[in-house]
Amino acid sequence: MLVIRADLADAMVAHARADHPDEACGVIAGPEGSDQPERFIQMINAERSPTFYRFDSAEQLKVWREMDDNDEVPVVIYHSHTATEAYPSRTDISFASEPDAHYVLVSTRDPDEHELRSYRIVDGVVTEEPVSIVENYQ
């Protein structure tokens, strides 16, 4: 189960809406050994595409080094789908390289509603998990 603060969930949705019609992407880092997302990191979709996302390689290297320096891990890796449901595509699955991360998808296909869902993706196997949005972590 992904337990995430409301402000972080709201930040993902806001980023997805701001980048629409292109896909948005980013990471929420948390302390190593913890499953609590803490630090929101909005990233650039190097593809600038409504159907595909890719982290800019230089930005990704910088972000991952920064997480290493802070003893953090990518707890959440998120991106948006602009015209389809919030479910990982074949490409999303093939690029999933962090087995401990929660892969969150936000669908912005409906201008009035959003869909936020979370998955674990390990060795090409997709498992949806419940999402609990809380005001504060216990």
N, C-alpha and C. Protein backbone atom coordinates (compact mmCIF):
# COMPACT_ATOMS: atom_id res chain seq x y z
N MET A 1 0.84 -1.19 0.00
CA MET A 1 0.00 0.00 0.00
C MET A 1 0.88 1.24 0.00
N LEU A 2 0.49 2.22 -0.81
CA LEU A 2 1.16 3.51 -0.79
C LEU A 2 0.41 4.43 0.16
N VAL A 3 1.12 4.92 1.17
CA VAL A 3 0.58 5.94 2.06
C VAL A 3 1.32 7.22 1.71
N ILE A 4 0.56 8.25 1.33
CA ILE A 4 1.17 9.49 0.86
C ILE A 4 0.41 10.70 1.40
N ARG A 5 1.16 11.73 1.75
CA ARG A 5 0.53 12.96 2.24
C ARG A 5 -0.26 13.62 1.12
N ALA A 6 -1.34 14.27 1.50
CA ALA A 6 -2.22 14.94 0.55
C ALA A 6 -1.48 16.02 -0.24
N ASP A 7 -0.57 16.76 0.40
CA ASP A 7 0.14 17.81 -0.32
C ASP A 7 1.00 17.25 -1.44
N LEU A 8 1.55 16.05 -1.25
CA LEU A 8 2.38 15.42 -2.28
C LEU A 8 1.50 14.87 -3.41
N ALA A 9 0.36 14.28 -3.06
CA ALA A 9 -0.57 13.81 -4.08
C ALA A 9 -1.08 15.00 -4.89
N ASP A 10 -1.41 16.09 -4.21
CA ASP A 10 -1.88 17.29 -4.90
C ASP A 10 -0.81 17.86 -5.83
N ALA A 11 0.46 17.79 -5.41
CA ALA A 11 1.56 18.30 -6.23
C ALA A 11 1.71 17.49 -7.51
N MET A 12 1.55 16.17 -7.42
CA MET A 12 1.61 15.33 -8.62
C MET A 12 0.49 15.69 -9.60
N VAL A 13 -0.71 15.84 -9.06
CA VAL A 13 -1.87 16.17 -9.91
C VAL A 13 -1.68 17.56 -10.53
N ALA A 14 -1.21 18.52 -9.75
CA ALA A 14 -0.99 19.87 -10.27
C ALA A 14 0.06 19.86 -11.39
N HIS A 15 1.13 19.09 -11.20
CA HIS A 15 2.16 18.99 -12.23
C HIS A 15 1.58 18.36 -13.50
N ALA A 16 0.79 17.30 -13.32
CA ALA A 16 0.17 16.63 -14.47
C ALA A 16 -0.75 17.59 -15.22
N ARG A 17 -1.54 18.37 -14.50
CA ARG A 17 -2.44 19.34 -15.13
C ARG A 17 -1.64 20.45 -15.83
N ALA A 18 -0.56 20.91 -15.21
CA ALA A 18 0.23 22.01 -15.77
C ALA A 18 0.91 21.59 -17.08
N ASP A 19 1.37 20.35 -17.17
CA ASP A 19 2.08 19.88 -18.37
C ASP A 19 1.15 19.34 -19.44
N HIS A 20 -0.13 19.11 -19.09
CA HIS A 20 -1.11 18.61 -20.07
C HIS A 20 -1.15 19.58 -21.26
N PRO A 21 -1.11 19.17 -22.52
CA PRO A 21 -1.39 17.82 -23.00
C PRO A 21 -0.18 16.89 -23.05
N ASP A 22 1.01 17.34 -22.62
CA ASP A 22 2.16 16.44 -22.56
C ASP A 22 2.16 15.70 -21.24
N GLU A 23 2.81 14.53 -21.23
CA GLU A 23 2.94 13.78 -19.99
C GLU A 23 3.91 14.50 -19.06
N ALA A 24 3.60 14.49 -17.78
CA ALA A 24 4.46 15.03 -16.74
C ALA A 24 5.17 13.86 -16.05
N CYS A 25 6.31 14.14 -15.40
CA CYS A 25 7.01 13.06 -14.70
C CYS A 25 7.83 13.63 -13.56
N GLY A 26 8.15 12.77 -12.61
CA GLY A 26 8.97 13.20 -11.49
C GLY A 26 9.13 12.09 -10.47
N VAL A 27 9.70 12.47 -9.33
CA VAL A 27 10.05 11.54 -8.27
C VAL A 27 9.65 12.16 -6.93
N ILE A 28 9.29 11.32 -5.99
CA ILE A 28 9.17 11.78 -4.60
C ILE A 28 10.14 10.93 -3.79
N ALA A 29 11.16 11.58 -3.27
CA ALA A 29 12.20 10.90 -2.52
C ALA A 29 11.81 10.74 -1.06
N GLY A 30 12.40 9.75 -0.43
CA GLY A 30 12.20 9.54 1.00
C GLY A 30 13.45 8.95 1.61
N PRO A 31 13.51 8.93 2.94
CA PRO A 31 14.70 8.41 3.61
C PRO A 31 14.95 6.95 3.25
N GLU A 32 16.21 6.63 3.06
CA GLU A 32 16.58 5.25 2.78
C GLU A 32 16.08 4.35 3.90
N GLY A 33 15.48 3.23 3.56
CA GLY A 33 14.95 2.30 4.54
C GLY A 33 13.53 2.62 4.96
N SER A 34 12.98 3.71 4.44
CA SER A 34 11.62 4.12 4.76
C SER A 34 10.76 4.00 3.51
N ASP A 35 9.47 3.86 3.71
CA ASP A 35 8.54 3.81 2.59
C ASP A 35 7.68 5.07 2.57
N GLN A 36 8.19 6.14 3.21
CA GLN A 36 7.42 7.39 3.27
C GLN A 36 7.97 8.42 2.29
N PRO A 37 7.18 8.75 1.27
CA PRO A 37 7.61 9.79 0.36
C PRO A 37 7.61 11.14 1.07
N GLU A 38 8.68 11.93 0.86
CA GLU A 38 8.83 13.19 1.59
C GLU A 38 9.11 14.39 0.68
N ARG A 39 10.07 14.24 -0.25
CA ARG A 39 10.56 15.39 -1.01
C ARG A 39 10.14 15.28 -2.47
N PHE A 40 9.26 16.20 -2.89
CA PHE A 40 8.71 16.23 -4.24
C PHE A 40 9.75 16.81 -5.20
N ILE A 41 10.02 16.08 -6.29
CA ILE A 41 11.00 16.52 -7.28
C ILE A 41 10.32 16.48 -8.66
N GLN A 42 9.88 17.63 -9.11
CA GLN A 42 9.27 17.73 -10.44
C GLN A 42 10.38 17.67 -11.47
N MET A 43 10.24 16.80 -12.47
CA MET A 43 11.27 16.66 -13.49
C MET A 43 10.73 17.04 -14.87
N ILE A 44 11.62 17.15 -15.81
CA ILE A 44 11.27 17.52 -17.18
C ILE A 44 11.06 16.26 -18.00
N ASN A 45 9.97 16.22 -18.76
CA ASN A 45 9.77 15.15 -19.73
C ASN A 45 10.60 15.49 -20.95
N ALA A 46 11.72 14.79 -21.13
CA ALA A 46 12.63 15.08 -22.23
C ALA A 46 11.97 14.84 -23.59
N GLU A 47 10.92 14.02 -23.62
CA GLU A 47 10.22 13.73 -24.87
C GLU A 47 9.23 14.83 -25.25
N ARG A 48 8.75 15.58 -24.26
CA ARG A 48 7.72 16.59 -24.48
C ARG A 48 6.61 16.02 -25.39
N SER A 49 6.05 14.92 -24.92
CA SER A 49 5.10 14.14 -25.72
C SER A 49 3.83 13.87 -24.93
N PRO A 50 2.68 13.82 -25.62
CA PRO A 50 1.43 13.46 -24.94
C PRO A 50 1.27 11.95 -24.74
N THR A 51 2.18 11.15 -25.29
CA THR A 51 2.03 9.70 -25.20
C THR A 51 3.23 8.98 -24.62
N PHE A 52 4.28 9.70 -24.25
CA PHE A 52 5.50 9.04 -23.78
C PHE A 52 6.25 9.99 -22.86
N TYR A 53 6.95 9.43 -21.87
CA TYR A 53 7.81 10.28 -21.04
C TYR A 53 9.17 9.62 -20.91
N ARG A 54 10.16 10.45 -20.72
CA ARG A 54 11.51 9.99 -20.44
C ARG A 54 12.19 11.08 -19.63
N PHE A 55 12.81 10.68 -18.51
CA PHE A 55 13.59 11.64 -17.74
C PHE A 55 14.75 12.12 -18.60
N ASP A 56 15.08 13.40 -18.52
CA ASP A 56 16.29 13.91 -19.14
C ASP A 56 17.47 13.24 -18.42
N SER A 57 18.39 12.65 -19.17
CA SER A 57 19.45 11.85 -18.55
C SER A 57 20.34 12.68 -17.62
N ALA A 58 20.67 13.91 -18.00
CA ALA A 58 21.51 14.75 -17.14
C ALA A 58 20.76 15.11 -15.86
N GLU A 59 19.48 15.46 -15.99
CA GLU A 59 18.68 15.79 -14.82
C GLU A 59 18.53 14.57 -13.91
N GLN A 60 18.29 13.41 -14.51
CA GLN A 60 18.13 12.18 -13.72
C GLN A 60 19.40 11.87 -12.94
N LEU A 61 20.55 12.00 -13.59
CA LEU A 61 21.82 11.75 -12.90
C LEU A 61 21.99 12.70 -11.72
N LYS A 62 21.66 13.97 -11.93
CA LYS A 62 21.76 14.98 -10.86
C LYS A 62 20.82 14.63 -9.70
N VAL A 63 19.57 14.28 -10.02
CA VAL A 63 18.58 13.97 -8.99
C VAL A 63 18.99 12.72 -8.21
N TRP A 64 19.43 11.67 -8.91
CA TRP A 64 19.81 10.43 -8.23
C TRP A 64 21.05 10.64 -7.36
N ARG A 65 22.00 11.45 -7.81
CA ARG A 65 23.18 11.77 -6.99
C ARG A 65 22.77 12.55 -5.75
N GLU A 66 21.84 13.49 -5.93
CA GLU A 66 21.35 14.28 -4.80
C GLU A 66 20.66 13.37 -3.78
N MET A 67 19.86 12.41 -4.26
CA MET A 67 19.22 11.47 -3.35
C MET A 67 20.28 10.65 -2.61
N ASP A 68 21.31 10.17 -3.33
CA ASP A 68 22.39 9.42 -2.68
C ASP A 68 23.06 10.26 -1.59
N ASP A 69 23.34 11.52 -1.92
CA ASP A 69 24.01 12.41 -0.95
C ASP A 69 23.15 12.63 0.30
N ASN A 70 21.82 12.58 0.13
CA ASN A 70 20.89 12.81 1.25
C ASN A 70 20.41 11.52 1.90
N ASP A 71 21.00 10.38 1.52
CA ASP A 71 20.55 9.07 2.01
C ASP A 71 19.07 8.87 1.75
N GLU A 72 18.65 9.21 0.52
CA GLU A 72 17.27 9.05 0.10
C GLU A 72 17.18 8.03 -1.03
N VAL A 73 15.97 7.57 -1.24
CA VAL A 73 15.66 6.66 -2.35
C VAL A 73 14.42 7.19 -3.07
N PRO A 74 14.22 6.77 -4.32
CA PRO A 74 13.00 7.16 -5.01
C PRO A 74 11.82 6.32 -4.52
N VAL A 75 11.06 6.85 -3.58
CA VAL A 75 9.93 6.11 -3.01
C VAL A 75 8.79 6.06 -4.04
N VAL A 76 8.56 7.18 -4.72
CA VAL A 76 7.52 7.26 -5.76
C VAL A 76 8.16 7.75 -7.05
N ILE A 77 7.85 7.07 -8.14
CA ILE A 77 8.17 7.56 -9.47
C ILE A 77 6.83 7.76 -10.15
N TYR A 78 6.57 8.99 -10.56
CA TYR A 78 5.24 9.27 -11.10
C TYR A 78 5.32 9.81 -12.52
N HIS A 79 4.23 9.61 -13.24
CA HIS A 79 4.04 10.30 -14.52
C HIS A 79 2.55 10.32 -14.82
N SER A 80 2.20 11.07 -15.85
CA SER A 80 0.78 11.20 -16.18
C SER A 80 0.48 10.54 -17.52
N HIS A 81 -0.76 10.17 -17.67
CA HIS A 81 -1.31 9.76 -18.95
C HIS A 81 -2.36 10.79 -19.31
N THR A 82 -2.30 11.31 -20.52
CA THR A 82 -3.15 12.43 -20.88
C THR A 82 -4.44 12.02 -21.58
N ALA A 83 -4.47 10.82 -22.15
CA ALA A 83 -5.65 10.42 -22.91
C ALA A 83 -6.15 9.02 -22.55
N THR A 84 -5.48 8.38 -21.62
CA THR A 84 -5.85 7.01 -21.26
C THR A 84 -5.94 6.88 -19.74
N GLU A 85 -6.40 5.71 -19.30
CA GLU A 85 -6.51 5.47 -17.87
C GLU A 85 -5.14 5.45 -17.21
N ALA A 86 -5.12 5.54 -15.90
CA ALA A 86 -3.88 5.53 -15.12
C ALA A 86 -3.43 4.08 -14.91
N TYR A 87 -2.95 3.47 -16.00
CA TYR A 87 -2.44 2.10 -15.95
C TYR A 87 -1.16 2.06 -16.77
N PRO A 88 -0.12 1.37 -16.29
CA PRO A 88 1.17 1.38 -16.99
C PRO A 88 1.07 0.78 -18.40
N SER A 89 1.68 1.48 -19.34
CA SER A 89 1.76 0.98 -20.72
C SER A 89 2.89 -0.06 -20.81
N ARG A 90 2.97 -0.73 -21.93
CA ARG A 90 4.07 -1.69 -22.13
C ARG A 90 5.42 -0.98 -22.01
N THR A 91 5.50 0.24 -22.53
CA THR A 91 6.75 1.01 -22.44
C THR A 91 7.05 1.36 -20.98
N ASP A 92 6.03 1.79 -20.23
CA ASP A 92 6.22 2.10 -18.81
C ASP A 92 6.79 0.88 -18.07
N ILE A 93 6.22 -0.28 -18.36
CA ILE A 93 6.64 -1.52 -17.70
C ILE A 93 8.08 -1.85 -18.06
N SER A 94 8.43 -1.70 -19.34
CA SER A 94 9.80 -2.06 -19.77
C SER A 94 10.85 -1.12 -19.18
N PHE A 95 10.48 0.14 -18.87
CA PHE A 95 11.43 1.09 -18.32
C PHE A 95 11.46 1.11 -16.79
N ALA A 96 10.57 0.36 -16.14
CA ALA A 96 10.51 0.34 -14.67
C ALA A 96 11.75 -0.37 -14.12
N SER A 97 12.65 0.40 -13.51
CA SER A 97 13.93 -0.17 -13.07
C SER A 97 14.17 -0.04 -11.57
N GLU A 98 13.19 0.41 -10.83
CA GLU A 98 13.32 0.57 -9.37
C GLU A 98 12.33 -0.37 -8.69
N PRO A 99 12.74 -1.60 -8.37
CA PRO A 99 11.78 -2.58 -7.86
C PRO A 99 11.12 -2.21 -6.53
N ASP A 100 11.74 -1.31 -5.76
CA ASP A 100 11.16 -0.93 -4.47
C ASP A 100 10.26 0.30 -4.56
N ALA A 101 10.21 0.94 -5.74
CA ALA A 101 9.44 2.17 -5.89
C ALA A 101 7.96 1.89 -6.10
N HIS A 102 7.17 2.87 -5.71
CA HIS A 102 5.74 2.90 -6.06
C HIS A 102 5.66 3.68 -7.37
N TYR A 103 5.09 3.07 -8.39
CA TYR A 103 4.91 3.76 -9.68
C TYR A 103 3.50 4.33 -9.70
N VAL A 104 3.41 5.66 -9.62
CA VAL A 104 2.12 6.33 -9.55
C VAL A 104 1.81 6.93 -10.92
N LEU A 105 0.59 6.67 -11.37
CA LEU A 105 0.11 7.27 -12.61
C LEU A 105 -1.08 8.16 -12.32
N VAL A 106 -1.07 9.32 -12.95
CA VAL A 106 -2.16 10.28 -12.84
C VAL A 106 -2.74 10.46 -14.24
N SER A 107 -4.02 10.16 -14.40
CA SER A 107 -4.67 10.39 -15.69
C SER A 107 -5.35 11.75 -15.68
N THR A 108 -5.06 12.53 -16.73
CA THR A 108 -5.67 13.85 -16.89
C THR A 108 -6.60 13.87 -18.11
N ARG A 109 -7.08 12.68 -18.51
CA ARG A 109 -7.92 12.62 -19.71
C ARG A 109 -9.25 13.36 -19.52
N ASP A 110 -9.73 13.42 -18.28
CA ASP A 110 -10.95 14.15 -17.98
C ASP A 110 -10.55 15.51 -17.40
N PRO A 111 -10.97 16.62 -18.02
CA PRO A 111 -10.54 17.94 -17.54
C PRO A 111 -11.08 18.29 -16.15
N ASP A 112 -12.12 17.61 -15.70
CA ASP A 112 -12.73 17.94 -14.41
C ASP A 112 -12.36 16.97 -13.28
N GLU A 113 -11.91 15.80 -13.64
CA GLU A 113 -11.57 14.77 -12.65
C GLU A 113 -10.18 14.24 -12.96
N HIS A 114 -9.51 13.72 -11.96
CA HIS A 114 -8.25 13.02 -12.21
C HIS A 114 -8.35 11.62 -11.62
N GLU A 115 -7.52 10.76 -12.11
CA GLU A 115 -7.44 9.39 -11.61
C GLU A 115 -5.99 9.18 -11.16
N LEU A 116 -5.79 8.79 -9.90
CA LEU A 116 -4.45 8.55 -9.36
C LEU A 116 -4.41 7.11 -8.87
N ARG A 117 -3.48 6.32 -9.44
CA ARG A 117 -3.35 4.92 -9.06
C ARG A 117 -1.87 4.58 -8.88
N SER A 118 -1.60 3.58 -8.04
CA SER A 118 -0.22 3.20 -7.75
C SER A 118 0.00 1.71 -8.03
N TYR A 119 1.24 1.41 -8.46
CA TYR A 119 1.60 0.05 -8.85
C TYR A 119 3.00 -0.27 -8.35
N ARG A 120 3.23 -1.55 -8.16
CA ARG A 120 4.59 -2.08 -8.01
C ARG A 120 4.87 -2.76 -9.35
N ILE A 121 6.05 -2.53 -9.89
CA ILE A 121 6.44 -3.16 -11.15
C ILE A 121 7.80 -3.82 -10.91
N VAL A 122 7.79 -5.14 -10.89
CA VAL A 122 9.01 -5.91 -10.64
C VAL A 122 9.14 -6.98 -11.71
N ASP A 123 10.25 -6.96 -12.40
CA ASP A 123 10.52 -7.95 -13.46
C ASP A 123 9.37 -8.05 -14.45
N GLY A 124 8.81 -6.91 -14.82
CA GLY A 124 7.75 -6.88 -15.82
C GLY A 124 6.37 -7.24 -15.31
N VAL A 125 6.26 -7.54 -14.02
CA VAL A 125 4.97 -7.90 -13.43
C VAL A 125 4.38 -6.67 -12.74
N VAL A 126 3.16 -6.31 -13.12
CA VAL A 126 2.48 -5.14 -12.58
C VAL A 126 1.46 -5.56 -11.53
N THR A 127 1.56 -4.97 -10.35
CA THR A 127 0.61 -5.24 -9.28
C THR A 127 0.07 -3.91 -8.78
N GLU A 128 -1.24 -3.72 -8.94
CA GLU A 128 -1.84 -2.50 -8.41
C GLU A 128 -1.92 -2.59 -6.89
N GLU A 129 -1.76 -1.45 -6.24
CA GLU A 129 -1.83 -1.41 -4.79
C GLU A 129 -2.76 -0.28 -4.36
N PRO A 130 -3.36 -0.41 -3.18
CA PRO A 130 -4.21 0.67 -2.68
C PRO A 130 -3.39 1.91 -2.38
N VAL A 131 -4.04 3.07 -2.46
CA VAL A 131 -3.42 4.34 -2.13
C VAL A 131 -4.21 4.96 -0.97
N SER A 132 -3.49 5.32 0.09
CA SER A 132 -4.09 5.99 1.23
C SER A 132 -3.49 7.40 1.29
N ILE A 133 -4.35 8.41 1.11
CA ILE A 133 -3.90 9.79 1.15
C ILE A 133 -4.23 10.33 2.54
N VAL A 134 -3.17 10.81 3.23
CA VAL A 134 -3.30 11.25 4.62
C VAL A 134 -2.83 12.70 4.74
N GLU A 135 -3.26 13.36 5.80
CA GLU A 135 -2.79 14.73 6.04
C GLU A 135 -1.36 14.74 6.54
N ASN A 136 -1.05 13.82 7.45
CA ASN A 136 0.30 13.71 8.02
C ASN A 136 0.62 12.25 8.25
N TYR A 137 1.91 11.91 8.23
CA TYR A 137 2.33 10.56 8.56
C TYR A 137 2.29 10.38 10.07
N GLN A 138 1.96 9.19 10.51
CA GLN A 138 1.92 8.90 11.94
C GLN A 138 3.29 8.71 12.52
